[in-house]
Amino acid sequence: MAGGISLHAVDVASGVPAAGMRVEIFALQGATARSIAQGVLGANGALDHAVVTGTGVQAGVHEAHFHLGDWWRERGAAQAAYFQEVAVFRFNVVNLQEHYHLPLKFTAWGFALFRGA
């Protein structure tokens, strides 16, 4: 896959994709954040949006926001049953011909974000 940004999230404690999790991607320019994608993750835990093929993506600093707290609450979790509200991943798009895959692996108490393949 050439160009673009893809997001994927999995609750690794239960082994299920984070279907329905709200996510956003912003392009940062100084103190200004411009939304380039927003939506909810599909049944496979991935974002289905034109940004995946590069639409709206420019070189520079970006942030992906994974709304974990909302996701837990929508599943009936009590506030004391989870720790994070939003996982923010700030990253730099250097080469517009490369694809930036950003997987989130999480539990109620922690998470890992990285650039995947």
PDB file of N, CA and C in Angstrom:
ATOM      1  N   MET A   1       0.855  -1.172   0.000  1.00  0.00           N
ATOM      2  CA  MET A   1       0.000   0.000   0.000  1.00  0.00           C
ATOM      3  C   MET A   1       0.902   1.236   0.000  1.00  0.00           C
ATOM      4  N   ALA A   2       0.712   2.136  -0.912  1.00  0.00           N
ATOM      5  CA  ALA A   2       1.531   3.338  -0.982  1.00  0.00           C
ATOM      6  C   ALA A   2       0.766   4.525  -0.406  1.00  0.00           C
ATOM      7  N   GLY A   3       1.473   5.373   0.308  1.00  0.00           N
ATOM      8  CA  GLY A   3       0.879   6.591   0.846  1.00  0.00           C
ATOM      9  C   GLY A   3      -0.219   6.324   1.845  1.00  0.00           C
ATOM     10  N   GLY A   4      -0.623   7.364   2.563  1.00  0.00           N
ATOM     11  CA  GLY A   4      -1.758   7.275   3.469  1.00  0.00           C
ATOM     12  C   GLY A   4      -1.413   6.928   4.896  1.00  0.00           C
ATOM     13  N   ILE A   5      -2.466   7.005   5.733  1.00  0.00           N
ATOM     14  CA  ILE A   5      -2.371   6.709   7.159  1.00  0.00           C
ATOM     15  C   ILE A   5      -3.508   5.754   7.505  1.00  0.00           C
ATOM     16  N   SER A   6      -3.179   4.645   8.149  1.00  0.00           N
ATOM     17  CA  SER A   6      -4.222   3.726   8.597  1.00  0.00           C
ATOM     18  C   SER A   6      -4.124   3.540  10.103  1.00  0.00           C
ATOM     19  N   LEU A   7      -5.285   3.365  10.735  1.00  0.00           N
ATOM     20  CA  LEU A   7      -5.375   3.133  12.174  1.00  0.00           C
ATOM     21  C   LEU A   7      -6.022   1.781  12.412  1.00  0.00           C
ATOM     22  N   HIS A   8      -5.549   1.109  13.459  1.00  0.00           N
ATOM     23  CA  HIS A   8      -6.091  -0.199  13.823  1.00  0.00           C
ATOM     24  C   HIS A   8      -5.964  -0.325  15.341  1.00  0.00           C
ATOM     25  N   ALA A   9      -6.983  -0.851  16.014  1.00  0.00           N
ATOM     26  CA  ALA A   9      -6.921  -1.004  17.469  1.00  0.00           C
ATOM     27  C   ALA A   9      -7.493  -2.349  17.886  1.00  0.00           C
ATOM     28  N   VAL A  10      -6.816  -2.963  18.878  1.00  0.00           N
ATOM     29  CA  VAL A  10      -7.230  -4.259  19.409  1.00  0.00           C
ATOM     30  C   VAL A  10      -7.112  -4.236  20.927  1.00  0.00           C
ATOM     31  N   ASP A  11      -8.172  -4.673  21.600  1.00  0.00           N
ATOM     32  CA  ASP A  11      -8.141  -4.906  23.043  1.00  0.00           C
ATOM     33  C   ASP A  11      -7.434  -6.248  23.231  1.00  0.00           C
ATOM     34  N   VAL A  12      -6.171  -6.219  23.606  1.00  0.00           N
ATOM     35  CA  VAL A  12      -5.390  -7.456  23.668  1.00  0.00           C
ATOM     36  C   VAL A  12      -5.731  -8.310  24.883  1.00  0.00           C
ATOM     37  N   ALA A  13      -6.365  -7.731  25.905  1.00  0.00           N
ATOM     38  CA  ALA A  13      -6.757  -8.527  27.070  1.00  0.00           C
ATOM     39  C   ALA A  13      -7.883  -9.489  26.708  1.00  0.00           C
ATOM     40  N   SER A  14      -8.797  -9.036  25.846  1.00  0.00           N
ATOM     41  CA  SER A  14      -9.894  -9.914  25.458  1.00  0.00           C
ATOM     42  C   SER A  14      -9.718 -10.478  24.053  1.00  0.00           C
ATOM     43  N   GLY A  15      -8.730  -9.967  23.320  1.00  0.00           N
ATOM     44  CA  GLY A  15      -8.452 -10.478  21.984  1.00  0.00           C
ATOM     45  C   GLY A  15      -9.462 -10.062  20.936  1.00  0.00           C
ATOM     46  N   VAL A  16     -10.079  -8.879  21.112  1.00  0.00           N
ATOM     47  CA  VAL A  16     -11.088  -8.429  20.146  1.00  0.00           C
ATOM     48  C   VAL A  16     -10.692  -7.084  19.534  1.00  0.00           C
ATOM     49  N   PRO A  17     -11.023  -6.900  18.251  1.00  0.00           N
ATOM     50  CA  PRO A  17     -10.815  -5.595  17.632  1.00  0.00           C
ATOM     51  C   PRO A  17     -11.699  -4.550  18.313  1.00  0.00           C
ATOM     52  N   ALA A  18     -11.260  -3.305  18.292  1.00  0.00           N
ATOM     53  CA  ALA A  18     -11.970  -2.204  18.958  1.00  0.00           C
ATOM     54  C   ALA A  18     -13.054  -1.617  18.057  1.00  0.00           C
ATOM     55  N   ALA A  19     -13.952  -2.467  17.586  1.00  0.00           N
ATOM     56  CA  ALA A  19     -15.042  -2.016  16.725  1.00  0.00           C
ATOM     57  C   ALA A  19     -15.839  -0.934  17.438  1.00  0.00           C
ATOM     58  N   GLY A  20     -16.121   0.153  16.726  1.00  0.00           N
ATOM     59  CA  GLY A  20     -16.906   1.242  17.282  1.00  0.00           C
ATOM     60  C   GLY A  20     -16.108   2.309  17.999  1.00  0.00           C
ATOM     61  N   MET A  21     -14.791   2.117  18.167  1.00  0.00           N
ATOM     62  CA  MET A  21     -13.982   3.140  18.839  1.00  0.00           C
ATOM     63  C   MET A  21     -13.883   4.379  17.957  1.00  0.00           C
ATOM     64  N   ARG A  22     -14.127   5.542  18.539  1.00  0.00           N
ATOM     65  CA  ARG A  22     -13.995   6.818  17.812  1.00  0.00           C
ATOM     66  C   ARG A  22     -12.521   7.183  17.715  1.00  0.00           C
ATOM     67  N   VAL A  23     -12.110   7.590  16.517  1.00  0.00           N
ATOM     68  CA  VAL A  23     -10.733   8.001  16.270  1.00  0.00           C
ATOM     69  C   VAL A  23     -10.721   9.278  15.440  1.00  0.00           C
ATOM     70  N   GLU A  24      -9.626  10.018  15.551  1.00  0.00           N
ATOM     71  CA  GLU A  24      -9.432  11.241  14.774  1.00  0.00           C
ATOM     72  C   GLU A  24      -7.971  11.329  14.361  1.00  0.00           C
ATOM     73  N   ILE A  25      -7.723  11.945  13.217  1.00  0.00           N
ATOM     74  CA  ILE A  25      -6.358  12.245  12.781  1.00  0.00           C
ATOM     75  C   ILE A  25      -6.303  13.733  12.465  1.00  0.00           C
ATOM     76  N   PHE A  26      -5.295  14.402  13.015  1.00  0.00           N
ATOM     77  CA  PHE A  26      -5.101  15.817  12.807  1.00  0.00           C
ATOM     78  C   PHE A  26      -3.740  16.083  12.176  1.00  0.00           C
ATOM     79  N   ALA A  27      -3.676  17.072  11.282  1.00  0.00           N
ATOM     80  CA  ALA A  27      -2.407  17.604  10.787  1.00  0.00           C
ATOM     81  C   ALA A  27      -2.104  18.817  11.660  1.00  0.00           C
ATOM     82  N   LEU A  28      -0.910  18.861  12.217  1.00  0.00           N
ATOM     83  CA  LEU A  28      -0.527  19.960  13.102  1.00  0.00           C
ATOM     84  C   LEU A  28       0.345  20.951  12.351  1.00  0.00           C
ATOM     85  N   GLN A  29      -0.007  22.213  12.493  1.00  0.00           N
ATOM     86  CA  GLN A  29       0.782  23.299  11.903  1.00  0.00           C
ATOM     87  C   GLN A  29       0.935  24.357  12.976  1.00  0.00           C
ATOM     88  N   GLY A  30       2.066  24.314  13.703  1.00  0.00           N
ATOM     89  CA  GLY A  30       2.247  25.185  14.855  1.00  0.00           C
ATOM     90  C   GLY A  30       1.226  24.822  15.922  1.00  0.00           C
ATOM     91  N   ALA A  31       0.476  25.819  16.391  1.00  0.00           N
ATOM     92  CA  ALA A  31      -0.546  25.593  17.414  1.00  0.00           C
ATOM     93  C   ALA A  31      -1.893  25.197  16.810  1.00  0.00           C
ATOM     94  N   THR A  32      -1.956  25.086  15.483  1.00  0.00           N
ATOM     95  CA  THR A  32      -3.213  24.780  14.807  1.00  0.00           C
ATOM     96  C   THR A  32      -3.293  23.292  14.469  1.00  0.00           C
ATOM     97  N   ALA A  33      -4.431  22.699  14.804  1.00  0.00           N
ATOM     98  CA  ALA A  33      -4.687  21.294  14.467  1.00  0.00           C
ATOM     99  C   ALA A  33      -5.842  21.261  13.473  1.00  0.00           C
ATOM    100  N   ARG A  34      -5.578  20.690  12.288  1.00  0.00           N
ATOM    101  CA  ARG A  34      -6.592  20.588  11.236  1.00  0.00           C
ATOM    102  C   ARG A  34      -6.994  19.132  11.104  1.00  0.00           C
ATOM    103  N   SER A  35      -8.298  18.858  11.252  1.00  0.00           N
ATOM    104  CA  SER A  35      -8.800  17.489  11.152  1.00  0.00           C
ATOM    105  C   SER A  35      -8.686  17.005   9.705  1.00  0.00           C
ATOM    106  N   ILE A  36      -8.060  15.834   9.521  1.00  0.00           N
ATOM    107  CA  ILE A  36      -8.007  15.240   8.181  1.00  0.00           C
ATOM    108  C   ILE A  36      -8.788  13.938   8.111  1.00  0.00           C
ATOM    109  N   ALA A  37      -9.182  13.400   9.276  1.00  0.00           N
ATOM    110  CA  ALA A  37      -9.993  12.179   9.295  1.00  0.00           C
ATOM    111  C   ALA A  37     -10.621  12.019  10.661  1.00  0.00           C
ATOM    112  N   GLN A  38     -11.827  11.488  10.653  1.00  0.00           N
ATOM    113  CA  GLN A  38     -12.488  11.099  11.896  1.00  0.00           C
ATOM    114  C   GLN A  38     -13.508  10.030  11.570  1.00  0.00           C
ATOM    115  N   GLY A  39     -13.776   9.202  12.537  1.00  0.00           N
ATOM    116  CA  GLY A  39     -14.749   8.143  12.314  1.00  0.00           C
ATOM    117  C   GLY A  39     -14.691   7.137  13.434  1.00  0.00           C
ATOM    118  N   VAL A  40     -15.294   5.987  13.202  1.00  0.00           N
ATOM    119  CA  VAL A  40     -15.256   4.889  14.164  1.00  0.00           C
ATOM    120  C   VAL A  40     -14.630   3.677  13.482  1.00  0.00           C
ATOM    121  N   LEU A  41     -13.950   2.886  14.270  1.00  0.00           N
ATOM    122  CA  LEU A  41     -13.298   1.698  13.742  1.00  0.00           C
ATOM    123  C   LEU A  41     -14.346   0.643  13.406  1.00  0.00           C
ATOM    124  N   GLY A  42     -14.122  -0.055  12.313  1.00  0.00           N
ATOM    125  CA  GLY A  42     -15.047  -1.087  11.847  1.00  0.00           C
ATOM    126  C   GLY A  42     -14.918  -2.379  12.636  1.00  0.00           C
ATOM    127  N   ALA A  43     -15.648  -3.382  12.211  1.00  0.00           N
ATOM    128  CA  ALA A  43     -15.669  -4.687  12.876  1.00  0.00           C
ATOM    129  C   ALA A  43     -14.278  -5.315  12.972  1.00  0.00           C
ATOM    130  N   ASN A  44     -13.397  -4.971  12.034  1.00  0.00           N
ATOM    131  CA  ASN A  44     -12.030  -5.499  12.046  1.00  0.00           C
ATOM    132  C   ASN A  44     -11.084  -4.629  12.869  1.00  0.00           C
ATOM    133  N   GLY A  45     -11.597  -3.559  13.504  1.00  0.00           N
ATOM    134  CA  GLY A  45     -10.779  -2.679  14.318  1.00  0.00           C
ATOM    135  C   GLY A  45     -10.009  -1.643  13.530  1.00  0.00           C
ATOM    136  N   ALA A  46     -10.306  -1.487  12.234  1.00  0.00           N
ATOM    137  CA  ALA A  46      -9.581  -0.553  11.371  1.00  0.00           C
ATOM    138  C   ALA A  46     -10.490   0.597  10.935  1.00  0.00           C
ATOM    139  N   LEU A  47      -9.868   1.727  10.642  1.00  0.00           N
ATOM    140  CA  LEU A  47     -10.593   2.892  10.146  1.00  0.00           C
ATOM    141  C   LEU A  47     -10.751   2.782   8.641  1.00  0.00           C
ATOM    142  N   ASP A  48     -11.981   2.894   8.174  1.00  0.00           N
ATOM    143  CA  ASP A  48     -12.280   2.904   6.747  1.00  0.00           C
ATOM    144  C   ASP A  48     -12.524   4.360   6.359  1.00  0.00           C
ATOM    145  N   HIS A  49     -11.506   5.001   5.796  1.00  0.00           N
ATOM    146  CA  HIS A  49     -11.566   6.427   5.465  1.00  0.00           C
ATOM    147  C   HIS A  49     -10.601   6.679   4.304  1.00  0.00           C
ATOM    148  N   ALA A  50     -10.867   7.713   3.531  1.00  0.00           N
ATOM    149  CA  ALA A  50     -10.020   8.039   2.374  1.00  0.00           C
ATOM    150  C   ALA A  50      -8.581   8.372   2.753  1.00  0.00           C
ATOM    151  N   VAL A  51      -8.332   8.746   4.013  1.00  0.00           N
ATOM    152  CA  VAL A  51      -6.969   9.056   4.451  1.00  0.00           C
ATOM    153  C   VAL A  51      -6.061   7.823   4.314  1.00  0.00           C
ATOM    154  N   VAL A  52      -6.659   6.633   4.328  1.00  0.00           N
ATOM    155  CA  VAL A  52      -5.892   5.389   4.192  1.00  0.00           C
ATOM    156  C   VAL A  52      -5.158   5.348   2.851  1.00  0.00           C
ATOM    157  N   THR A  53      -5.736   5.945   1.830  1.00  0.00           N
ATOM    158  CA  THR A  53      -5.092   5.966   0.509  1.00  0.00           C
ATOM    159  C   THR A  53      -4.331   7.265   0.250  1.00  0.00           C
ATOM    160  N   GLY A  54      -4.245   8.129   1.266  1.00  0.00           N
ATOM    161  CA  GLY A  54      -3.455   9.350   1.141  1.00  0.00           C
ATOM    162  C   GLY A  54      -4.251  10.625   0.979  1.00  0.00           C
ATOM    163  N   THR A  55      -5.561  10.552   0.852  1.00  0.00           N
ATOM    164  CA  THR A  55      -6.379  11.750   0.685  1.00  0.00           C
ATOM    165  C   THR A  55      -6.225  12.672   1.892  1.00  0.00           C
ATOM    166  N   GLY A  56      -5.814  13.899   1.651  1.00  0.00           N
ATOM    167  CA  GLY A  56      -5.669  14.894   2.706  1.00  0.00           C
ATOM    168  C   GLY A  56      -4.373  14.838   3.483  1.00  0.00           C
ATOM    169  N   VAL A  57      -3.521  13.860   3.195  1.00  0.00           N
ATOM    170  CA  VAL A  57      -2.271  13.706   3.939  1.00  0.00           C
ATOM    171  C   VAL A  57      -1.184  14.562   3.299  1.00  0.00           C
ATOM    172  N   GLN A  58      -0.528  15.355   4.128  1.00  0.00           N
ATOM    173  CA  GLN A  58       0.614  16.156   3.695  1.00  0.00           C
ATOM    174  C   GLN A  58       1.790  15.846   4.604  1.00  0.00           C
ATOM    175  N   ALA A  59       2.978  16.192   4.162  1.00  0.00           N
ATOM    176  CA  ALA A  59       4.155  15.995   4.998  1.00  0.00           C
ATOM    177  C   ALA A  59       4.042  16.886   6.234  1.00  0.00           C
ATOM    178  N   GLY A  60       4.561  16.397   7.346  1.00  0.00           N
ATOM    179  CA  GLY A  60       4.552  17.176   8.577  1.00  0.00           C
ATOM    180  C   GLY A  60       4.074  16.361   9.760  1.00  0.00           C
ATOM    181  N   VAL A  61       3.911  17.056  10.880  1.00  0.00           N
ATOM    182  CA  VAL A  61       3.532  16.416  12.135  1.00  0.00           C
ATOM    183  C   VAL A  61       2.017  16.201  12.175  1.00  0.00           C
ATOM    184  N   HIS A  62       1.634  15.020  12.654  1.00  0.00           N
ATOM    185  CA  HIS A  62       0.229  14.630  12.767  1.00  0.00           C
ATOM    186  C   HIS A  62      -0.018  14.041  14.148  1.00  0.00           C
ATOM    187  N   GLU A  63      -1.295  13.962  14.525  1.00  0.00           N
ATOM    188  CA  GLU A  63      -1.695  13.260  15.734  1.00  0.00           C
ATOM    189  C   GLU A  63      -2.876  12.365  15.422  1.00  0.00           C
ATOM    190  N   ALA A  64      -2.828  11.174  15.980  1.00  0.00           N
ATOM    191  CA  ALA A  64      -3.969  10.261  15.947  1.00  0.00           C
ATOM    192  C   ALA A  64      -4.506  10.197  17.367  1.00  0.00           C
ATOM    193  N   HIS A  65      -5.816  10.343  17.513  1.00  0.00           N
ATOM    194  CA  HIS A  65      -6.464  10.270  18.818  1.00  0.00           C
ATOM    195  C   HIS A  65      -7.386   9.051  18.838  1.00  0.00           C
ATOM    196  N   PHE A  66      -7.142   8.149  19.780  1.00  0.00           N
ATOM    197  CA  PHE A  66      -7.968   6.969  19.991  1.00  0.00           C
ATOM    198  C   PHE A  66      -8.771   7.218  21.276  1.00  0.00           C
ATOM    199  N   HIS A  67     -10.074   7.272  21.189  1.00  0.00           N
ATOM    200  CA  HIS A  67     -10.937   7.627  22.326  1.00  0.00           C
ATOM    201  C   HIS A  67     -11.300   6.374  23.141  1.00  0.00           C
ATOM    202  N   LEU A  68     -10.351   5.966  23.974  1.00  0.00           N
ATOM    203  CA  LEU A  68     -10.485   4.747  24.775  1.00  0.00           C
ATOM    204  C   LEU A  68     -11.585   4.848  25.823  1.00  0.00           C
ATOM    205  N   GLY A  69     -11.644   5.954  26.554  1.00  0.00           N
ATOM    206  CA  GLY A  69     -12.628   6.100  27.623  1.00  0.00           C
ATOM    207  C   GLY A  69     -14.050   5.958  27.115  1.00  0.00           C
ATOM    208  N   ASP A  70     -14.352   6.621  26.001  1.00  0.00           N
ATOM    209  CA  ASP A  70     -15.687   6.499  25.405  1.00  0.00           C
ATOM    210  C   ASP A  70     -15.978   5.045  25.043  1.00  0.00           C
ATOM    211  N   TRP A  71     -14.966   4.375  24.479  1.00  0.00           N
ATOM    212  CA  TRP A  71     -15.141   2.983  24.056  1.00  0.00           C
ATOM    213  C   TRP A  71     -15.480   2.087  25.250  1.00  0.00           C
ATOM    214  N   TRP A  72     -14.735   2.258  26.364  1.00  0.00           N
ATOM    215  CA  TRP A  72     -15.010   1.456  27.556  1.00  0.00           C
ATOM    216  C   TRP A  72     -16.396   1.752  28.110  1.00  0.00           C
ATOM    217  N   ARG A  73     -16.772   3.037  28.194  1.00  0.00           N
ATOM    218  CA  ARG A  73     -18.086   3.403  28.729  1.00  0.00           C
ATOM    219  C   ARG A  73     -19.221   2.827  27.877  1.00  0.00           C
ATOM    220  N   GLU A  74     -19.045   2.837  26.543  1.00  0.00           N
ATOM    221  CA  GLU A  74     -20.067   2.279  25.659  1.00  0.00           C
ATOM    222  C   GLU A  74     -20.254   0.779  25.879  1.00  0.00           C
ATOM    223  N   ARG A  75     -19.277   0.143  26.478  1.00  0.00           N
ATOM    224  CA  ARG A  75     -19.367  -1.283  26.783  1.00  0.00           C
ATOM    225  C   ARG A  75     -19.783  -1.528  28.222  1.00  0.00           C
ATOM    226  N   GLY A  76     -20.191  -0.469  28.899  1.00  0.00           N
ATOM    227  CA  GLY A  76     -20.699  -0.600  30.262  1.00  0.00           C
ATOM    228  C   GLY A  76     -19.652  -0.658  31.345  1.00  0.00           C
ATOM    229  N   ALA A  77     -18.419  -0.324  31.044  1.00  0.00           N
ATOM    230  CA  ALA A  77     -17.364  -0.375  32.058  1.00  0.00           C
ATOM    231  C   ALA A  77     -17.528   0.775  33.057  1.00  0.00           C
ATOM    232  N   ALA A  78     -17.381   0.473  34.320  1.00  0.00           N
ATOM    233  CA  ALA A  78     -17.398   1.499  35.353  1.00  0.00           C
ATOM    234  C   ALA A  78     -16.111   2.317  35.264  1.00  0.00           C
ATOM    235  N   GLN A  79     -16.170   3.570  35.678  1.00  0.00           N
ATOM    236  CA  GLN A  79     -15.012   4.473  35.609  1.00  0.00           C
ATOM    237  C   GLN A  79     -13.772   3.847  36.253  1.00  0.00           C
ATOM    238  N   ALA A  80     -13.946   3.124  37.349  1.00  0.00           N
ATOM    239  CA  ALA A  80     -12.804   2.525  38.041  1.00  0.00           C
ATOM    240  C   ALA A  80     -12.247   1.303  37.311  1.00  0.00           C
ATOM    241  N   ALA A  81     -12.922   0.856  36.241  1.00  0.00           N
ATOM    242  CA  ALA A  81     -12.508  -0.359  35.538  1.00  0.00           C
ATOM    243  C   ALA A  81     -11.525  -0.096  34.407  1.00  0.00           C
ATOM    244  N   TYR A  82     -11.208   1.158  34.116  1.00  0.00           N
ATOM    245  CA  TYR A  82     -10.242   1.480  33.058  1.00  0.00           C
ATOM    246  C   TYR A  82      -9.509   2.759  33.446  1.00  0.00           C
ATOM    247  N   PHE A  83      -8.396   3.024  32.800  1.00  0.00           N
ATOM    248  CA  PHE A  83      -7.500   4.104  33.203  1.00  0.00           C
ATOM    249  C   PHE A  83      -7.438   5.255  32.203  1.00  0.00           C
ATOM    250  N   GLN A  84      -7.325   4.973  30.914  1.00  0.00           N
ATOM    251  CA  GLN A  84      -7.073   6.007  29.910  1.00  0.00           C
ATOM    252  C   GLN A  84      -8.368   6.587  29.354  1.00  0.00           C
ATOM    253  N   GLU A  85      -8.294   7.858  28.960  1.00  0.00           N
ATOM    254  CA  GLU A  85      -9.394   8.505  28.256  1.00  0.00           C
ATOM    255  C   GLU A  85      -9.098   8.564  26.758  1.00  0.00           C
ATOM    256  N   VAL A  86      -7.951   9.155  26.391  1.00  0.00           N
ATOM    257  CA  VAL A  86      -7.582   9.294  24.979  1.00  0.00           C
ATOM    258  C   VAL A  86      -6.101   8.944  24.834  1.00  0.00           C
ATOM    259  N   ALA A  87      -5.805   8.039  23.916  1.00  0.00           N
ATOM    260  CA  ALA A  87      -4.418   7.742  23.576  1.00  0.00           C
ATOM    261  C   ALA A  87      -4.054   8.616  22.381  1.00  0.00           C
ATOM    262  N   VAL A  88      -3.038   9.458  22.565  1.00  0.00           N
ATOM    263  CA  VAL A  88      -2.608  10.381  21.516  1.00  0.00           C
ATOM    264  C   VAL A  88      -1.268   9.912  20.980  1.00  0.00           C
ATOM    265  N   PHE A  89      -1.187   9.792  19.665  1.00  0.00           N
ATOM    266  CA  PHE A  89       0.025   9.348  18.992  1.00  0.00           C
ATOM    267  C   PHE A  89       0.464  10.470  18.055  1.00  0.00           C
ATOM    268  N   ARG A  90       1.526  11.193  18.435  1.00  0.00           N
ATOM    269  CA  ARG A  90       2.064  12.267  17.585  1.00  0.00           C
ATOM    270  C   ARG A  90       3.183  11.684  16.749  1.00  0.00           C
ATOM    271  N   PHE A  91       3.102  11.873  15.440  1.00  0.00           N
ATOM    272  CA  PHE A  91       4.069  11.259  14.527  1.00  0.00           C
ATOM    273  C   PHE A  91       4.353  12.211  13.370  1.00  0.00           C
ATOM    274  N   ASN A  92       5.407  11.914  12.638  1.00  0.00           N
ATOM    275  CA  ASN A  92       5.855  12.771  11.554  1.00  0.00           C
ATOM    276  C   ASN A  92       5.755  12.035  10.216  1.00  0.00           C
ATOM    277  N   VAL A  93       4.995  12.593   9.298  1.00  0.00           N
ATOM    278  CA  VAL A  93       4.923  12.059   7.937  1.00  0.00           C
ATOM    279  C   VAL A  93       6.030  12.739   7.142  1.00  0.00           C
ATOM    280  N   VAL A  94       6.990  11.956   6.696  1.00  0.00           N
ATOM    281  CA  VAL A  94       8.135  12.501   5.964  1.00  0.00           C
ATOM    282  C   VAL A  94       7.996  12.238   4.464  1.00  0.00           C
ATOM    283  N   ASN A  95       7.685  11.008   4.127  1.00  0.00           N
ATOM    284  CA  ASN A  95       7.630  10.595   2.728  1.00  0.00           C
ATOM    285  C   ASN A  95       6.188  10.254   2.359  1.00  0.00           C
ATOM    286  N   LEU A  96       5.574  11.048   1.499  1.00  0.00           N
ATOM    287  CA  LEU A  96       4.178  10.834   1.122  1.00  0.00           C
ATOM    288  C   LEU A  96       3.963   9.562   0.301  1.00  0.00           C
ATOM    289  N   GLN A  97       5.027   8.938  -0.164  1.00  0.00           N
ATOM    290  CA  GLN A  97       4.907   7.679  -0.902  1.00  0.00           C
ATOM    291  C   GLN A  97       4.873   6.474   0.027  1.00  0.00           C
ATOM    292  N   GLU A  98       5.227   6.678   1.299  1.00  0.00           N
ATOM    293  CA  GLU A  98       5.205   5.594   2.280  1.00  0.00           C
ATOM    294  C   GLU A  98       3.850   5.554   2.968  1.00  0.00           C
ATOM    295  N   HIS A  99       3.445   4.359   3.392  1.00  0.00           N
ATOM    296  CA  HIS A  99       2.217   4.214   4.156  1.00  0.00           C
ATOM    297  C   HIS A  99       2.569   4.208   5.641  1.00  0.00           C
ATOM    298  N   TYR A 100       1.769   4.909   6.448  1.00  0.00           N
ATOM    299  CA  TYR A 100       1.968   5.002   7.881  1.00  0.00           C
ATOM    300  C   TYR A 100       0.830   4.239   8.567  1.00  0.00           C
ATOM    301  N   HIS A 101       1.133   3.007   8.998  1.00  0.00           N
ATOM    302  CA  HIS A 101       0.148   2.173   9.672  1.00  0.00           C
ATOM    303  C   HIS A 101       0.381   2.307  11.175  1.00  0.00           C
ATOM    304  N   LEU A 102      -0.666   2.716  11.905  1.00  0.00           N
ATOM    305  CA  LEU A 102      -0.531   3.002  13.326  1.00  0.00           C
ATOM    306  C   LEU A 102      -1.443   2.086  14.143  1.00  0.00           C
ATOM    307  N   PRO A 103      -0.933   0.942  14.578  1.00  0.00           N
ATOM    308  CA  PRO A 103      -1.729   0.038  15.393  1.00  0.00           C
ATOM    309  C   PRO A 103      -1.675   0.433  16.875  1.00  0.00           C
ATOM    310  N   LEU A 104      -2.804   0.299  17.538  1.00  0.00           N
ATOM    311  CA  LEU A 104      -2.912   0.500  18.975  1.00  0.00           C
ATOM    312  C   LEU A 104      -3.271  -0.845  19.597  1.00  0.00           C
ATOM    313  N   LYS A 105      -2.457  -1.303  20.516  1.00  0.00           N
ATOM    314  CA  LYS A 105      -2.741  -2.506  21.292  1.00  0.00           C
ATOM    315  C   LYS A 105      -3.000  -2.011  22.711  1.00  0.00           C
ATOM    316  N   PHE A 106      -4.154  -2.360  23.294  1.00  0.00           N
ATOM    317  CA  PHE A 106      -4.494  -1.782  24.594  1.00  0.00           C
ATOM    318  C   PHE A 106      -5.209  -2.768  25.506  1.00  0.00           C
ATOM    319  N   THR A 107      -5.192  -2.436  26.790  1.00  0.00           N
ATOM    320  CA  THR A 107      -5.992  -3.086  27.823  1.00  0.00           C
ATOM    321  C   THR A 107      -6.663  -1.946  28.591  1.00  0.00           C
ATOM    322  N   ALA A 108      -7.362  -2.281  29.664  1.00  0.00           N
ATOM    323  CA  ALA A 108      -7.996  -1.248  30.481  1.00  0.00           C
ATOM    324  C   ALA A 108      -6.968  -0.384  31.198  1.00  0.00           C
ATOM    325  N   TRP A 109      -5.720  -0.866  31.298  1.00  0.00           N
ATOM    326  CA  TRP A 109      -4.724  -0.170  32.118  1.00  0.00           C
ATOM    327  C   TRP A 109      -3.493   0.304  31.375  1.00  0.00           C
ATOM    328  N   GLY A 110      -3.364   0.020  30.112  1.00  0.00           N
ATOM    329  CA  GLY A 110      -2.190   0.465  29.382  1.00  0.00           C
ATOM    330  C   GLY A 110      -2.364   0.274  27.892  1.00  0.00           C
ATOM    331  N   PHE A 111      -1.423   0.818  27.141  1.00  0.00           N
ATOM    332  CA  PHE A 111      -1.481   0.689  25.702  1.00  0.00           C
ATOM    333  C   PHE A 111      -0.097   0.792  25.090  1.00  0.00           C
ATOM    334  N   ALA A 112       0.021   0.328  23.855  1.00  0.00           N
ATOM    335  CA  ALA A 112       1.240   0.462  23.062  1.00  0.00           C
ATOM    336  C   ALA A 112       0.842   0.986  21.697  1.00  0.00           C
ATOM    337  N   LEU A 113       1.537   2.014  21.239  1.00  0.00           N
ATOM    338  CA  LEU A 113       1.353   2.577  19.906  1.00  0.00           C
ATOM    339  C   LEU A 113       2.689   2.492  19.185  1.00  0.00           C
ATOM    340  N   PHE A 114       2.638   2.158  17.903  1.00  0.00           N
ATOM    341  CA  PHE A 114       3.878   2.044  17.145  1.00  0.00           C
ATOM    342  C   PHE A 114       3.564   2.150  15.661  1.00  0.00           C
ATOM    343  N   ARG A 115       4.595   2.322  14.874  1.00  0.00           N
ATOM    344  CA  ARG A 115       4.405   2.292  13.425  1.00  0.00           C
ATOM    345  C   ARG A 115       4.525   0.848  12.964  1.00  0.00           C
ATOM    346  N   GLY A 116       3.438   0.338  12.448  1.00  0.00           N
ATOM    347  CA  GLY A 116       3.412  -1.037  11.983  1.00  0.00           C
ATOM    348  C   GLY A 116       3.771  -1.147  10.525  1.00  0.00           C
ATOM    349  N   ALA A 117       3.677  -2.350  10.014  1.00  0.00           N
ATOM    350  CA  ALA A 117       4.008  -2.616   8.618  1.00  0.00           C
ATOM    351  C   ALA A 117       2.775  -2.605   7.759  1.00  0.00           C
TER     352      ALA A 117
END
